[in-house]
Protein backbone atom coordinates (compact mmCIF):
# COMPACT_ATOMS: atom_id res chain seq x y z
CA MET A 1 0.02 -0.32 -0.01
CA THR A 2 1.18 3.28 -1.01
CA GLU A 3 1.35 6.44 1.38
CA GLN A 4 -1.05 9.12 0.48
CA PRO A 5 1.48 12.86 0.56
CA VAL A 6 0.43 14.97 3.16
CA ARG A 7 -2.05 17.77 1.79
CA MET A 8 -1.18 21.07 2.89
CA VAL A 9 -4.30 23.56 2.37
CA ILE A 10 -3.78 26.83 3.49
CA SER A 11 -6.26 30.21 3.48
CA VAL A 12 -4.81 33.54 3.16
CA THR A 13 -5.91 36.99 4.54
CA GLY A 14 -4.77 40.22 4.40
CA SER A 15 -4.98 44.30 3.22
CA ARG A 16 -6.34 45.60 -0.09
CA LEU A 17 -2.78 47.65 0.39
CA GLY A 18 -0.62 44.69 -0.37
CA LEU A 19 2.22 42.50 0.83
CA SER A 20 4.93 44.44 2.38
CA LYS A 21 8.69 43.80 1.15
CA ALA A 22 8.51 42.28 5.02
CA GLN A 23 5.48 40.30 4.24
CA SER A 24 6.49 39.07 1.02
CA LEU A 25 9.95 37.68 1.84
CA TRP A 26 8.12 35.69 4.69
CA LEU A 27 6.02 34.25 2.18
CA ALA A 28 8.54 33.64 -0.80
CA GLY A 29 10.53 31.39 2.64
CA PHE A 30 7.35 29.63 3.57
CA LEU A 31 6.39 29.06 0.40
CA LEU A 32 10.19 27.80 -0.73
CA ASN A 33 8.88 23.88 -1.05
CA PRO A 34 5.58 24.25 -3.03
CA SER A 35 5.48 20.30 -2.78
CA ALA A 36 4.36 21.02 0.90
CA VAL A 37 1.75 23.23 -0.35
CA THR A 38 -0.96 21.52 -2.49
CA GLU A 39 -3.88 24.48 -2.28
CA ILE A 40 -4.48 28.01 -1.45
CA HIS A 41 -7.73 29.35 -0.48
CA HIS A 42 -8.27 33.43 -1.03
CA GLY A 43 -10.72 35.91 -1.21
CA ASP A 44 -9.89 37.43 -4.97
CA CYS A 45 -9.74 40.88 -3.89
CA ILE A 46 -7.33 43.51 -4.57
CA GLY A 47 -3.40 43.53 -2.67
CA VAL A 48 -2.62 40.60 -0.62
CA ASP A 49 -5.13 38.11 -2.45
CA ALA A 50 -3.86 39.05 -5.56
CA MET A 51 0.21 39.04 -4.98
CA VAL A 52 -0.58 35.63 -3.18
CA ASP A 53 -2.28 34.38 -6.28
CA GLY A 54 0.27 35.47 -8.38
CA VAL A 55 3.03 33.81 -6.55
CA ALA A 56 1.06 30.43 -6.01
CA SER A 57 0.67 30.43 -9.60
CA LYS A 58 4.56 31.03 -10.61
CA LYS A 59 4.82 27.86 -8.31
CA GLY A 60 2.61 25.58 -9.57
CA ILE A 61 0.23 25.81 -6.28
CA ARG A 62 -3.64 24.63 -6.41
CA ARG A 63 -5.29 28.29 -6.15
CA VAL A 64 -8.99 28.17 -4.86
CA VAL A 65 -10.98 32.07 -5.08
CA HIS A 66 -13.72 32.69 -3.00
CA PRO A 67 -15.13 35.85 -4.76
CA PRO A 68 -16.98 38.36 -2.89
CA LEU A 69 -20.40 39.31 -4.24
CA ASP A 70 -19.45 43.03 -4.18
CA PRO A 71 -17.20 43.74 -7.18
CA LYS A 72 -15.71 46.62 -6.04
CA TYR A 73 -12.51 45.69 -4.97
CA ARG A 74 -12.33 42.33 -6.54
CA ALA A 75 -9.62 41.24 -8.32
CA TRP A 76 -10.65 38.75 -10.69
CA CYS A 77 -8.09 36.09 -10.05
CA CYS A 78 -8.57 32.86 -12.44
CA GLY A 79 -7.50 30.44 -9.84
CA GLU A 80 -7.70 26.14 -11.08
CA GLU A 81 -11.47 26.74 -9.01
CA THR A 82 -13.58 29.90 -8.45
CA LEU A 83 -16.42 29.23 -5.83
CA PRO A 84 -19.32 30.70 -6.29
CA GLU A 85 -19.65 34.80 -4.76
CA LYS A 86 -21.32 35.13 -1.34
CA GLU A 87 -21.28 38.29 1.45
CA TYR A 88 -17.74 38.72 2.43
CA LEU A 89 -18.12 37.58 6.03
CA ASP A 90 -19.96 34.36 4.75
CA ARG A 91 -17.01 34.03 2.26
CA ASN A 92 -14.45 34.51 5.14
CA LYS A 93 -15.58 31.69 7.01
CA ASP A 94 -15.40 29.49 4.07
CA ILE A 95 -12.22 30.57 3.54
CA VAL A 96 -11.33 29.46 7.23
CA ASP A 97 -13.07 26.11 7.46
CA ALA A 98 -11.79 25.51 4.04
CA CYS A 99 -7.99 25.44 5.59
CA ARG A 100 -5.07 23.88 7.69
CA ILE A 101 -3.29 26.84 8.36
CA LEU A 102 -4.41 30.44 7.87
CA LEU A 103 -1.89 33.10 6.76
CA VAL A 104 -2.76 36.78 8.16
CA PHE A 105 -1.20 39.75 6.43
CA PRO A 106 -2.53 43.13 7.59
CA SER A 107 -1.32 46.23 7.21
CA GLY A 108 -1.32 47.02 11.05
CA PRO A 109 -2.34 46.19 14.35
CA GLU A 110 -5.66 44.64 15.38
CA LYS A 111 -9.12 46.51 14.86
CA LEU A 112 -12.19 46.25 14.50
CA ARG A 113 -14.36 46.11 11.57
CA SER A 114 -11.42 44.66 9.31
CA GLY A 115 -12.36 41.89 7.25
CA THR A 116 -8.43 40.81 7.78
CA TRP A 117 -8.69 40.89 11.44
CA SER A 118 -12.69 39.27 11.80
CA THR A 119 -11.54 36.81 9.22
CA PHE A 120 -8.86 36.18 12.16
CA ARG A 121 -10.69 35.88 15.09
CA TYR A 122 -12.92 33.58 13.71
CA ALA A 123 -10.18 31.05 12.65
CA LYS A 124 -8.97 31.43 16.29
CA VAL A 125 -12.53 30.28 17.54
CA GLN A 126 -12.47 27.36 15.15
CA GLY A 127 -9.09 25.99 16.72
CA LYS A 128 -7.29 26.83 13.25
CA ARG A 129 -3.31 27.23 12.82
CA TRP A 130 -2.61 30.87 12.04
CA TYR A 131 0.29 33.24 11.43
CA ILE A 132 0.12 36.57 11.72
CA ILE A 133 2.68 38.51 9.58
CA TYR A 134 3.04 42.26 10.15
CA PRO A 135 4.23 44.49 7.96
CA ASP A 136 7.41 45.01 9.60
CA GLY A 137 8.31 41.20 9.51
CA LYS A 138 7.06 41.13 13.45
CA ARG A 139 5.31 37.56 13.63
CA SER A 140 2.76 35.59 15.69
CA SER A 141 1.72 32.47 15.33
CA TYR A 142 -0.24 29.48 16.50
CA GLU A 143 0.16 26.03 16.32
CA ARG A 144 -2.10 22.78 17.90
CA ALA A 145 0.41 20.16 19.57
């Protein structure tokens, strides 16, 4: 009997402002071994989602797009799978529910009324592993035992 490879599904949430240089470097290091990450889920917004989509595409990582109903900030990424459009908060929960690890790329400290931080808080409640990578490169994480 052959062993099935470990399927590493990650999801991403982040700022419409995009990745800082420090965040980009961290992401490049995290995705250095593309065989470890088999699938990336994101919300198809300008900024972080679109930038991560581009990196994943170049590395041959399968991309699953969770587009919002409101197209105002949509990036129109073309992943291998595009799911039906949903309200922001509903699709953010789907993004978290789909992953093993959530990568959070905020534009600054935690705040209320932020999709990025709302998604992160939901991941915490769900007991997901997560990494927060701040614009200056500082990080915090939670990894279950």
